[in-house]
Amino acid sequence: MSEGSDTSRRRAVALAYREGDGAPRVMAKGYGDLAERLVEEARRHGVFVHGAPELVALLMTVDLDQRIPEALYQVVAELLVWVHQLEQDPPGEQT
């Protein structure tokens, strides 16, 4: 889940990656109240939320259930590595 905000209203995009998919897909997206609900629901389910307004702006142009464009593979891969690291060593815990 990525969220962004601008001076007018908040935006959010939810990505999902399933085994066998060639790339993550845009599963949900929205502005304003819908974006707030997406972020709240993600957090309620323990999904990590990353604030990246530029990435959100690009992902908002992708249709629902469509794979992310190849040009975004690198940045999304970096976010997935970040999430994996958080899952392995949550903030506040020392290994």
PDB file of N, CA and C in Angstrom:
ATOM      1  N   MET A   1       0.863  -1.167   0.000  1.00  0.00           N
ATOM      2  CA  MET A   1       0.000   0.000   0.000  1.00  0.00           C
ATOM      3  C   MET A   1       0.905   1.223   0.000  1.00  0.00           C
ATOM      4  N   SER A   2       0.634   2.142  -0.869  1.00  0.00           N
ATOM      5  CA  SER A   2       1.328   3.421  -0.902  1.00  0.00           C
ATOM      6  C   SER A   2       0.304   4.521  -0.781  1.00  0.00           C
ATOM      7  N   GLU A   3       0.704   5.554  -0.088  1.00  0.00           N
ATOM      8  CA  GLU A   3      -0.198   6.689   0.039  1.00  0.00           C
ATOM      9  C   GLU A   3       0.560   7.954  -0.304  1.00  0.00           C
ATOM     10  N   GLY A   4      -0.140   8.913  -0.817  1.00  0.00           N
ATOM     11  CA  GLY A   4       0.447  10.200  -1.118  1.00  0.00           C
ATOM     12  C   GLY A   4      -0.536  11.276  -0.746  1.00  0.00           C
ATOM     13  N   SER A   5      -0.025  12.465  -0.621  1.00  0.00           N
ATOM     14  CA  SER A   5      -0.952  13.540  -0.321  1.00  0.00           C
ATOM     15  C   SER A   5      -0.484  14.774  -1.061  1.00  0.00           C
ATOM     16  N   ASP A   6      -1.422  15.550  -1.475  1.00  0.00           N
ATOM     17  CA  ASP A   6      -1.092  16.832  -2.079  1.00  0.00           C
ATOM     18  C   ASP A   6      -1.937  17.871  -1.368  1.00  0.00           C
ATOM     19  N   THR A   7      -1.866  19.086  -1.822  1.00  0.00           N
ATOM     20  CA  THR A   7      -2.571  20.148  -1.122  1.00  0.00           C
ATOM     21  C   THR A   7      -4.084  20.031  -1.238  1.00  0.00           C
ATOM     22  N   SER A   8      -4.590  19.283  -2.222  1.00  0.00           N
ATOM     23  CA  SER A   8      -6.032  19.207  -2.393  1.00  0.00           C
ATOM     24  C   SER A   8      -6.655  18.010  -1.692  1.00  0.00           C
ATOM     25  N   ARG A   9      -6.088  16.819  -1.866  1.00  0.00           N
ATOM     26  CA  ARG A   9      -6.670  15.652  -1.216  1.00  0.00           C
ATOM     27  C   ARG A   9      -5.694  14.481  -1.230  1.00  0.00           C
ATOM     28  N   ARG A  10      -5.916  13.595  -0.307  1.00  0.00           N
ATOM     29  CA  ARG A  10      -5.064  12.427  -0.160  1.00  0.00           C
ATOM     30  C   ARG A  10      -5.375  11.404  -1.252  1.00  0.00           C
ATOM     31  N   ARG A  11      -4.337  10.635  -1.631  1.00  0.00           N
ATOM     32  CA  ARG A  11      -4.487   9.569  -2.616  1.00  0.00           C
ATOM     33  C   ARG A  11      -3.868   8.301  -2.039  1.00  0.00           C
ATOM     34  N   ALA A  12      -4.379   7.147  -2.431  1.00  0.00           N
ATOM     35  CA  ALA A  12      -3.804   5.875  -1.991  1.00  0.00           C
ATOM     36  C   ALA A  12      -3.982   4.832  -3.087  1.00  0.00           C
ATOM     37  N   VAL A  13      -2.988   3.947  -3.156  1.00  0.00           N
ATOM     38  CA  VAL A  13      -3.011   2.844  -4.118  1.00  0.00           C
ATOM     39  C   VAL A  13      -2.582   1.581  -3.383  1.00  0.00           C
ATOM     40  N   ALA A  14      -3.334   0.504  -3.578  1.00  0.00           N
ATOM     41  CA  ALA A  14      -2.975  -0.792  -2.994  1.00  0.00           C
ATOM     42  C   ALA A  14      -2.476  -1.706  -4.100  1.00  0.00           C
ATOM     43  N   LEU A  15      -1.319  -2.320  -3.852  1.00  0.00           N
ATOM     44  CA  LEU A  15      -0.743  -3.273  -4.795  1.00  0.00           C
ATOM     45  C   LEU A  15      -0.814  -4.671  -4.207  1.00  0.00           C
ATOM     46  N   ALA A  16      -0.901  -5.662  -5.072  1.00  0.00           N
ATOM     47  CA  ALA A  16      -0.851  -7.060  -4.639  1.00  0.00           C
ATOM     48  C   ALA A  16      -0.006  -7.830  -5.638  1.00  0.00           C
ATOM     49  N   TYR A  17       0.717  -8.793  -5.104  1.00  0.00           N
ATOM     50  CA  TYR A  17       1.515  -9.666  -5.961  1.00  0.00           C
ATOM     51  C   TYR A  17       1.166 -11.097  -5.612  1.00  0.00           C
ATOM     52  N   ARG A  18       0.734 -11.842  -6.593  1.00  0.00           N
ATOM     53  CA  ARG A  18       0.385 -13.246  -6.402  1.00  0.00           C
ATOM     54  C   ARG A  18       1.379 -14.103  -7.166  1.00  0.00           C
ATOM     55  N   GLU A  19       1.658 -15.269  -6.613  1.00  0.00           N
ATOM     56  CA  GLU A  19       2.556 -16.192  -7.296  1.00  0.00           C
ATOM     57  C   GLU A  19       2.019 -16.460  -8.700  1.00  0.00           C
ATOM     58  N   GLY A  20       2.897 -16.378  -9.651  1.00  0.00           N
ATOM     59  CA  GLY A  20       2.488 -16.592 -11.037  1.00  0.00           C
ATOM     60  C   GLY A  20       2.232 -15.303 -11.796  1.00  0.00           C
ATOM     61  N   ASP A  21       1.991 -14.201 -11.067  1.00  0.00           N
ATOM     62  CA  ASP A  21       1.836 -12.902 -11.732  1.00  0.00           C
ATOM     63  C   ASP A  21       3.198 -12.453 -12.236  1.00  0.00           C
ATOM     64  N   GLY A  22       3.203 -11.800 -13.358  1.00  0.00           N
ATOM     65  CA  GLY A  22       4.449 -11.279 -13.879  1.00  0.00           C
ATOM     66  C   GLY A  22       4.931 -10.051 -13.129  1.00  0.00           C
ATOM     67  N   ALA A  23       4.009  -9.357 -12.485  1.00  0.00           N
ATOM     68  CA  ALA A  23       4.340  -8.126 -11.762  1.00  0.00           C
ATOM     69  C   ALA A  23       3.194  -7.822 -10.797  1.00  0.00           C
ATOM     70  N   PRO A  24       3.456  -6.974  -9.797  1.00  0.00           N
ATOM     71  CA  PRO A  24       2.359  -6.578  -8.897  1.00  0.00           C
ATOM     72  C   PRO A  24       1.234  -5.905  -9.690  1.00  0.00           C
ATOM     73  N   ARG A  25       0.035  -6.007  -9.150  1.00  0.00           N
ATOM     74  CA  ARG A  25      -1.142  -5.408  -9.772  1.00  0.00           C
ATOM     75  C   ARG A  25      -1.728  -4.330  -8.864  1.00  0.00           C
ATOM     76  N   VAL A  26      -2.387  -3.357  -9.475  1.00  0.00           N
ATOM     77  CA  VAL A  26      -3.117  -2.339  -8.731  1.00  0.00           C
ATOM     78  C   VAL A  26      -4.462  -2.954  -8.347  1.00  0.00           C
ATOM     79  N   MET A  27      -4.673  -3.124  -7.048  1.00  0.00           N
ATOM     80  CA  MET A  27      -5.887  -3.788  -6.583  1.00  0.00           C
ATOM     81  C   MET A  27      -6.950  -2.806  -6.087  1.00  0.00           C
ATOM     82  N   ALA A  28      -6.521  -1.641  -5.658  1.00  0.00           N
ATOM     83  CA  ALA A  28      -7.465  -0.614  -5.205  1.00  0.00           C
ATOM     84  C   ALA A  28      -6.769   0.728  -5.294  1.00  0.00           C
ATOM     85  N   LYS A  29      -7.564   1.762  -5.499  1.00  0.00           N
ATOM     86  CA  LYS A  29      -7.005   3.113  -5.513  1.00  0.00           C
ATOM     87  C   LYS A  29      -8.133   4.090  -5.271  1.00  0.00           C
ATOM     88  N   GLY A  30      -7.781   5.245  -4.748  1.00  0.00           N
ATOM     89  CA  GLY A  30      -8.816   6.230  -4.513  1.00  0.00           C
ATOM     90  C   GLY A  30      -8.272   7.535  -3.990  1.00  0.00           C
ATOM     91  N   TYR A  31      -9.149   8.518  -3.954  1.00  0.00           N
ATOM     92  CA  TYR A  31      -8.846   9.862  -3.472  1.00  0.00           C
ATOM     93  C   TYR A  31      -9.665  10.161  -2.224  1.00  0.00           C
ATOM     94  N   GLY A  32      -9.232  11.123  -1.447  1.00  0.00           N
ATOM     95  CA  GLY A  32     -10.014  11.652  -0.333  1.00  0.00           C
ATOM     96  C   GLY A  32     -10.433  10.610   0.675  1.00  0.00           C
ATOM     97  N   ASP A  33     -11.746  10.548   0.947  1.00  0.00           N
ATOM     98  CA  ASP A  33     -12.275   9.622   1.954  1.00  0.00           C
ATOM     99  C   ASP A  33     -11.976   8.169   1.607  1.00  0.00           C
ATOM    100  N   LEU A  34     -12.059   7.819   0.329  1.00  0.00           N
ATOM    101  CA  LEU A  34     -11.759   6.454  -0.078  1.00  0.00           C
ATOM    102  C   LEU A  34     -10.293   6.125   0.205  1.00  0.00           C
ATOM    103  N   ALA A  35      -9.410   7.055  -0.078  1.00  0.00           N
ATOM    104  CA  ALA A  35      -7.988   6.853   0.222  1.00  0.00           C
ATOM    105  C   ALA A  35      -7.785   6.649   1.716  1.00  0.00           C
ATOM    106  N   GLU A  36      -8.448   7.456   2.521  1.00  0.00           N
ATOM    107  CA  GLU A  36      -8.355   7.308   3.985  1.00  0.00           C
ATOM    108  C   GLU A  36      -8.814   5.917   4.409  1.00  0.00           C
ATOM    109  N   ARG A  37      -9.912   5.446   3.847  1.00  0.00           N
ATOM    110  CA  ARG A  37     -10.435   4.115   4.204  1.00  0.00           C
ATOM    111  C   ARG A  37      -9.477   3.016   3.758  1.00  0.00           C
ATOM    112  N   LEU A  38      -8.870   3.164   2.577  1.00  0.00           N
ATOM    113  CA  LEU A  38      -7.896   2.174   2.115  1.00  0.00           C
ATOM    114  C   LEU A  38      -6.715   2.080   3.074  1.00  0.00           C
ATOM    115  N   VAL A  39      -6.195   3.230   3.491  1.00  0.00           N
ATOM    116  CA  VAL A  39      -5.053   3.248   4.403  1.00  0.00           C
ATOM    117  C   VAL A  39      -5.446   2.671   5.755  1.00  0.00           C
ATOM    118  N   GLU A  40      -6.596   3.068   6.276  1.00  0.00           N
ATOM    119  CA  GLU A  40      -7.054   2.548   7.568  1.00  0.00           C
ATOM    120  C   GLU A  40      -7.228   1.034   7.523  1.00  0.00           C
ATOM    121  N   GLU A  41      -7.826   0.542   6.460  1.00  0.00           N
ATOM    122  CA  GLU A  41      -8.061  -0.900   6.327  1.00  0.00           C
ATOM    123  C   GLU A  41      -6.733  -1.649   6.200  1.00  0.00           C
ATOM    124  N   ALA A  42      -5.811  -1.098   5.445  1.00  0.00           N
ATOM    125  CA  ALA A  42      -4.491  -1.729   5.314  1.00  0.00           C
ATOM    126  C   ALA A  42      -3.817  -1.832   6.674  1.00  0.00           C
ATOM    127  N   ARG A  43      -3.814  -0.745   7.408  1.00  0.00           N
ATOM    128  CA  ARG A  43      -3.180  -0.757   8.735  1.00  0.00           C
ATOM    129  C   ARG A  43      -3.889  -1.714   9.685  1.00  0.00           C
ATOM    130  N   ARG A  44      -5.205  -1.768   9.606  1.00  0.00           N
ATOM    131  CA  ARG A  44      -5.977  -2.664  10.471  1.00  0.00           C
ATOM    132  C   ARG A  44      -5.592  -4.123  10.231  1.00  0.00           C
ATOM    133  N   HIS A  45      -5.232  -4.440   8.991  1.00  0.00           N
ATOM    134  CA  HIS A  45      -4.849  -5.807   8.631  1.00  0.00           C
ATOM    135  C   HIS A  45      -3.338  -6.024   8.685  1.00  0.00           C
ATOM    136  N   GLY A  46      -2.610  -5.054   9.213  1.00  0.00           N
ATOM    137  CA  GLY A  46      -1.166  -5.218   9.353  1.00  0.00           C
ATOM    138  C   GLY A  46      -0.379  -5.054   8.072  1.00  0.00           C
ATOM    139  N   VAL A  47      -0.979  -4.428   7.073  1.00  0.00           N
ATOM    140  CA  VAL A  47      -0.283  -4.172   5.811  1.00  0.00           C
ATOM    141  C   VAL A  47       0.541  -2.904   5.975  1.00  0.00           C
ATOM    142  N   PHE A  48       1.793  -2.975   5.588  1.00  0.00           N
ATOM    143  CA  PHE A  48       2.654  -1.807   5.689  1.00  0.00           C
ATOM    144  C   PHE A  48       2.226  -0.745   4.685  1.00  0.00           C
ATOM    145  N   VAL A  49       2.252   0.498   5.122  1.00  0.00           N
ATOM    146  CA  VAL A  49       1.874   1.633   4.284  1.00  0.00           C
ATOM    147  C   VAL A  49       3.104   2.509   4.116  1.00  0.00           C
ATOM    148  N   HIS A  50       3.403   2.850   2.894  1.00  0.00           N
ATOM    149  CA  HIS A  50       4.578   3.675   2.597  1.00  0.00           C
ATOM    150  C   HIS A  50       4.115   4.949   1.917  1.00  0.00           C
ATOM    151  N   GLY A  51       4.590   6.083   2.379  1.00  0.00           N
ATOM    152  CA  GLY A  51       4.235   7.359   1.777  1.00  0.00           C
ATOM    153  C   GLY A  51       5.206   7.723   0.669  1.00  0.00           C
ATOM    154  N   ALA A  52       4.768   7.688  -0.543  1.00  0.00           N
ATOM    155  CA  ALA A  52       5.593   8.025  -1.702  1.00  0.00           C
ATOM    156  C   ALA A  52       4.718   8.743  -2.724  1.00  0.00           C
ATOM    157  N   PRO A  53       4.501  10.042  -2.549  1.00  0.00           N
ATOM    158  CA  PRO A  53       3.555  10.779  -3.408  1.00  0.00           C
ATOM    159  C   PRO A  53       3.830  10.661  -4.905  1.00  0.00           C
ATOM    160  N   GLU A  54       5.103  10.667  -5.297  1.00  0.00           N
ATOM    161  CA  GLU A  54       5.418  10.576  -6.723  1.00  0.00           C
ATOM    162  C   GLU A  54       5.033   9.210  -7.283  1.00  0.00           C
ATOM    163  N   LEU A  55       5.310   8.151  -6.502  1.00  0.00           N
ATOM    164  CA  LEU A  55       4.948   6.810  -6.938  1.00  0.00           C
ATOM    165  C   LEU A  55       3.431   6.653  -6.998  1.00  0.00           C
ATOM    166  N   VAL A  56       2.739   7.168  -5.997  1.00  0.00           N
ATOM    167  CA  VAL A  56       1.283   7.087  -5.988  1.00  0.00           C
ATOM    168  C   VAL A  56       0.713   7.778  -7.220  1.00  0.00           C
ATOM    169  N   ALA A  57       1.234   8.935  -7.549  1.00  0.00           N
ATOM    170  CA  ALA A  57       0.747   9.664  -8.727  1.00  0.00           C
ATOM    171  C   ALA A  57       0.893   8.817  -9.986  1.00  0.00           C
ATOM    172  N   LEU A  58       2.013   8.132 -10.125  1.00  0.00           N
ATOM    173  CA  LEU A  58       2.210   7.264 -11.292  1.00  0.00           C
ATOM    174  C   LEU A  58       1.284   6.058 -11.261  1.00  0.00           C
ATOM    175  N   LEU A  59       1.117   5.453 -10.082  1.00  0.00           N
ATOM    176  CA  LEU A  59       0.270   4.267  -9.965  1.00  0.00           C
ATOM    177  C   LEU A  59      -1.212   4.583 -10.141  1.00  0.00           C
ATOM    178  N   MET A  60      -1.615   5.812  -9.853  1.00  0.00           N
ATOM    179  CA  MET A  60      -3.012   6.199 -10.024  1.00  0.00           C
ATOM    180  C   MET A  60      -3.427   6.133 -11.496  1.00  0.00           C
ATOM    181  N   THR A  61      -2.462   6.153 -12.408  1.00  0.00           N
ATOM    182  CA  THR A  61      -2.784   6.102 -13.840  1.00  0.00           C
ATOM    183  C   THR A  61      -2.986   4.671 -14.341  1.00  0.00           C
ATOM    184  N   VAL A  62      -2.665   3.682 -13.495  1.00  0.00           N
ATOM    185  CA  VAL A  62      -2.805   2.274 -13.880  1.00  0.00           C
ATOM    186  C   VAL A  62      -4.235   1.825 -13.567  1.00  0.00           C
ATOM    187  N   ASP A  63      -4.862   1.149 -14.499  1.00  0.00           N
ATOM    188  CA  ASP A  63      -6.218   0.643 -14.295  1.00  0.00           C
ATOM    189  C   ASP A  63      -6.228  -0.437 -13.218  1.00  0.00           C
ATOM    190  N   LEU A  64      -7.377  -0.582 -12.551  1.00  0.00           N
ATOM    191  CA  LEU A  64      -7.535  -1.619 -11.539  1.00  0.00           C
ATOM    192  C   LEU A  64      -7.292  -2.996 -12.145  1.00  0.00           C
ATOM    193  N   ASP A  65      -6.660  -3.857 -11.364  1.00  0.00           N
ATOM    194  CA  ASP A  65      -6.331  -5.232 -11.717  1.00  0.00           C
ATOM    195  C   ASP A  65      -5.344  -5.333 -12.877  1.00  0.00           C
ATOM    196  N   GLN A  66      -4.665  -4.247 -13.181  1.00  0.00           N
ATOM    197  CA  GLN A  66      -3.630  -4.268 -14.213  1.00  0.00           C
ATOM    198  C   GLN A  66      -2.253  -4.302 -13.562  1.00  0.00           C
ATOM    199  N   ARG A  67      -1.319  -4.937 -14.240  1.00  0.00           N
ATOM    200  CA  ARG A  67       0.061  -4.978 -13.740  1.00  0.00           C
ATOM    201  C   ARG A  67       0.678  -3.595 -13.800  1.00  0.00           C
ATOM    202  N   ILE A  68       1.580  -3.356 -12.855  1.00  0.00           N
ATOM    203  CA  ILE A  68       2.292  -2.079 -12.877  1.00  0.00           C
ATOM    204  C   ILE A  68       3.155  -2.019 -14.131  1.00  0.00           C
ATOM    205  N   PRO A  69       3.430  -0.829 -14.652  1.00  0.00           N
ATOM    206  CA  PRO A  69       4.265  -0.722 -15.849  1.00  0.00           C
ATOM    207  C   PRO A  69       5.712  -1.108 -15.553  1.00  0.00           C
ATOM    208  N   GLU A  70       6.356  -1.641 -16.547  1.00  0.00           N
ATOM    209  CA  GLU A  70       7.738  -2.087 -16.405  1.00  0.00           C
ATOM    210  C   GLU A  70       8.648  -0.982 -15.886  1.00  0.00           C
ATOM    211  N   ALA A  71       8.368   0.252 -16.230  1.00  0.00           N
ATOM    212  CA  ALA A  71       9.193   1.374 -15.788  1.00  0.00           C
ATOM    213  C   ALA A  71       9.188   1.523 -14.261  1.00  0.00           C
ATOM    214  N   LEU A  72       8.185   0.949 -13.572  1.00  0.00           N
ATOM    215  CA  LEU A  72       8.106   1.070 -12.116  1.00  0.00           C
ATOM    216  C   LEU A  72       8.610  -0.170 -11.379  1.00  0.00           C
ATOM    217  N   TYR A  73       9.071  -1.180 -12.106  1.00  0.00           N
ATOM    218  CA  TYR A  73       9.525  -2.411 -11.463  1.00  0.00           C
ATOM    219  C   TYR A  73      10.594  -2.145 -10.402  1.00  0.00           C
ATOM    220  N   GLN A  74      11.595  -1.344 -10.727  1.00  0.00           N
ATOM    221  CA  GLN A  74      12.718  -1.126  -9.803  1.00  0.00           C
ATOM    222  C   GLN A  74      12.253  -0.478  -8.498  1.00  0.00           C
ATOM    223  N   VAL A  75      11.483   0.583  -8.592  1.00  0.00           N
ATOM    224  CA  VAL A  75      11.060   1.280  -7.378  1.00  0.00           C
ATOM    225  C   VAL A  75      10.114   0.415  -6.547  1.00  0.00           C
ATOM    226  N   VAL A  76       9.227  -0.325  -7.195  1.00  0.00           N
ATOM    227  CA  VAL A  76       8.322  -1.206  -6.450  1.00  0.00           C
ATOM    228  C   VAL A  76       9.107  -2.362  -5.837  1.00  0.00           C
ATOM    229  N   ALA A  77      10.102  -2.876  -6.537  1.00  0.00           N
ATOM    230  CA  ALA A  77      10.951  -3.932  -5.969  1.00  0.00           C
ATOM    231  C   ALA A  77      11.655  -3.428  -4.709  1.00  0.00           C
ATOM    232  N   GLU A  78      12.123  -2.190  -4.737  1.00  0.00           N
ATOM    233  CA  GLU A  78      12.771  -1.607  -3.557  1.00  0.00           C
ATOM    234  C   GLU A  78      11.790  -1.501  -2.392  1.00  0.00           C
ATOM    235  N   LEU A  79      10.540  -1.144  -2.674  1.00  0.00           N
ATOM    236  CA  LEU A  79       9.524  -1.090  -1.618  1.00  0.00           C
ATOM    237  C   LEU A  79       9.240  -2.489  -1.059  1.00  0.00           C
ATOM    238  N   LEU A  80       9.206  -3.488  -1.928  1.00  0.00           N
ATOM    239  CA  LEU A  80       8.974  -4.852  -1.456  1.00  0.00           C
ATOM    240  C   LEU A  80      10.121  -5.335  -0.575  1.00  0.00           C
ATOM    241  N   VAL A  81      11.349  -4.963  -0.912  1.00  0.00           N
ATOM    242  CA  VAL A  81      12.502  -5.293  -0.064  1.00  0.00           C
ATOM    243  C   VAL A  81      12.350  -4.605   1.289  1.00  0.00           C
ATOM    244  N   TRP A  82      11.924  -3.348   1.282  1.00  0.00           N
ATOM    245  CA  TRP A  82      11.705  -2.591   2.529  1.00  0.00           C
ATOM    246  C   TRP A  82      10.669  -3.302   3.401  1.00  0.00           C
ATOM    247  N   VAL A  83       9.565  -3.725   2.801  1.00  0.00           N
ATOM    248  CA  VAL A  83       8.516  -4.423   3.549  1.00  0.00           C
ATOM    249  C   VAL A  83       9.061  -5.738   4.107  1.00  0.00           C
ATOM    250  N   HIS A  84       9.785  -6.472   3.301  1.00  0.00           N
ATOM    251  CA  HIS A  84      10.355  -7.745   3.756  1.00  0.00           C
ATOM    252  C   HIS A  84      11.290  -7.523   4.947  1.00  0.00           C
ATOM    253  N   GLN A  85      12.099  -6.475   4.885  1.00  0.00           N
ATOM    254  CA  GLN A  85      13.002  -6.167   5.994  1.00  0.00           C
ATOM    255  C   GLN A  85      12.217  -5.812   7.249  1.00  0.00           C
ATOM    256  N   LEU A  86      11.142  -5.062   7.107  1.00  0.00           N
ATOM    257  CA  LEU A  86      10.314  -4.718   8.265  1.00  0.00           C
ATOM    258  C   LEU A  86       9.670  -5.961   8.869  1.00  0.00           C
ATOM    259  N   GLU A  87       9.250  -6.873   8.012  1.00  0.00           N
ATOM    260  CA  GLU A  87       8.637  -8.108   8.522  1.00  0.00           C
ATOM    261  C   GLU A  87       9.652  -8.970   9.264  1.00  0.00           C
ATOM    262  N   GLN A  88      10.906  -8.957   8.808  1.00  0.00           N
ATOM    263  CA  GLN A  88      11.940  -9.765   9.431  1.00  0.00           C
ATOM    264  C   GLN A  88      12.466  -9.148  10.726  1.00  0.00           C
ATOM    265  N   ASP A  89      12.509  -7.822  10.784  1.00  0.00           N
ATOM    266  CA  ASP A  89      13.060  -7.114  11.942  1.00  0.00           C
ATOM    267  C   ASP A  89      12.216  -5.873  12.203  1.00  0.00           C
ATOM    268  N   PRO A  90      11.032  -6.047  12.829  1.00  0.00           N
ATOM    269  CA  PRO A  90      10.139  -4.909  13.060  1.00  0.00           C
ATOM    270  C   PRO A  90      10.824  -3.793  13.843  1.00  0.00           C
ATOM    271  N   PRO A  91      10.431  -2.542  13.597  1.00  0.00           N
ATOM    272  CA  PRO A  91      11.006  -1.413  14.327  1.00  0.00           C
ATOM    273  C   PRO A  91      10.897  -1.635  15.832  1.00  0.00           C
ATOM    274  N   GLY A  92      11.952  -1.271  16.553  1.00  0.00           N
ATOM    275  CA  GLY A  92      11.934  -1.397  17.993  1.00  0.00           C
ATOM    276  C   GLY A  92      12.466  -2.722  18.492  1.00  0.00           C
ATOM    277  N   GLU A  93      12.648  -3.689  17.579  1.00  0.00           N
ATOM    278  CA  GLU A  93      13.213  -4.975  17.966  1.00  0.00           C
ATOM    279  C   GLU A  93      14.640  -5.051  17.486  1.00  0.00           C
ATOM    280  N   GLN A  94      15.492  -5.598  18.300  1.00  0.00           N
ATOM    281  CA  GLN A  94      16.903  -5.746  17.965  1.00  0.00           C
ATOM    282  C   GLN A  94      17.209  -7.225  17.790  1.00  0.00           C
ATOM    283  N   THR A  95      18.031  -7.557  16.783  1.00  0.00           N
ATOM    284  CA  THR A  95      18.413  -8.953  16.602  1.00  0.00           C
ATOM    285  C   THR A  95      19.809  -9.184  17.100  1.00  0.00           C
TER     286      THR A  95
END
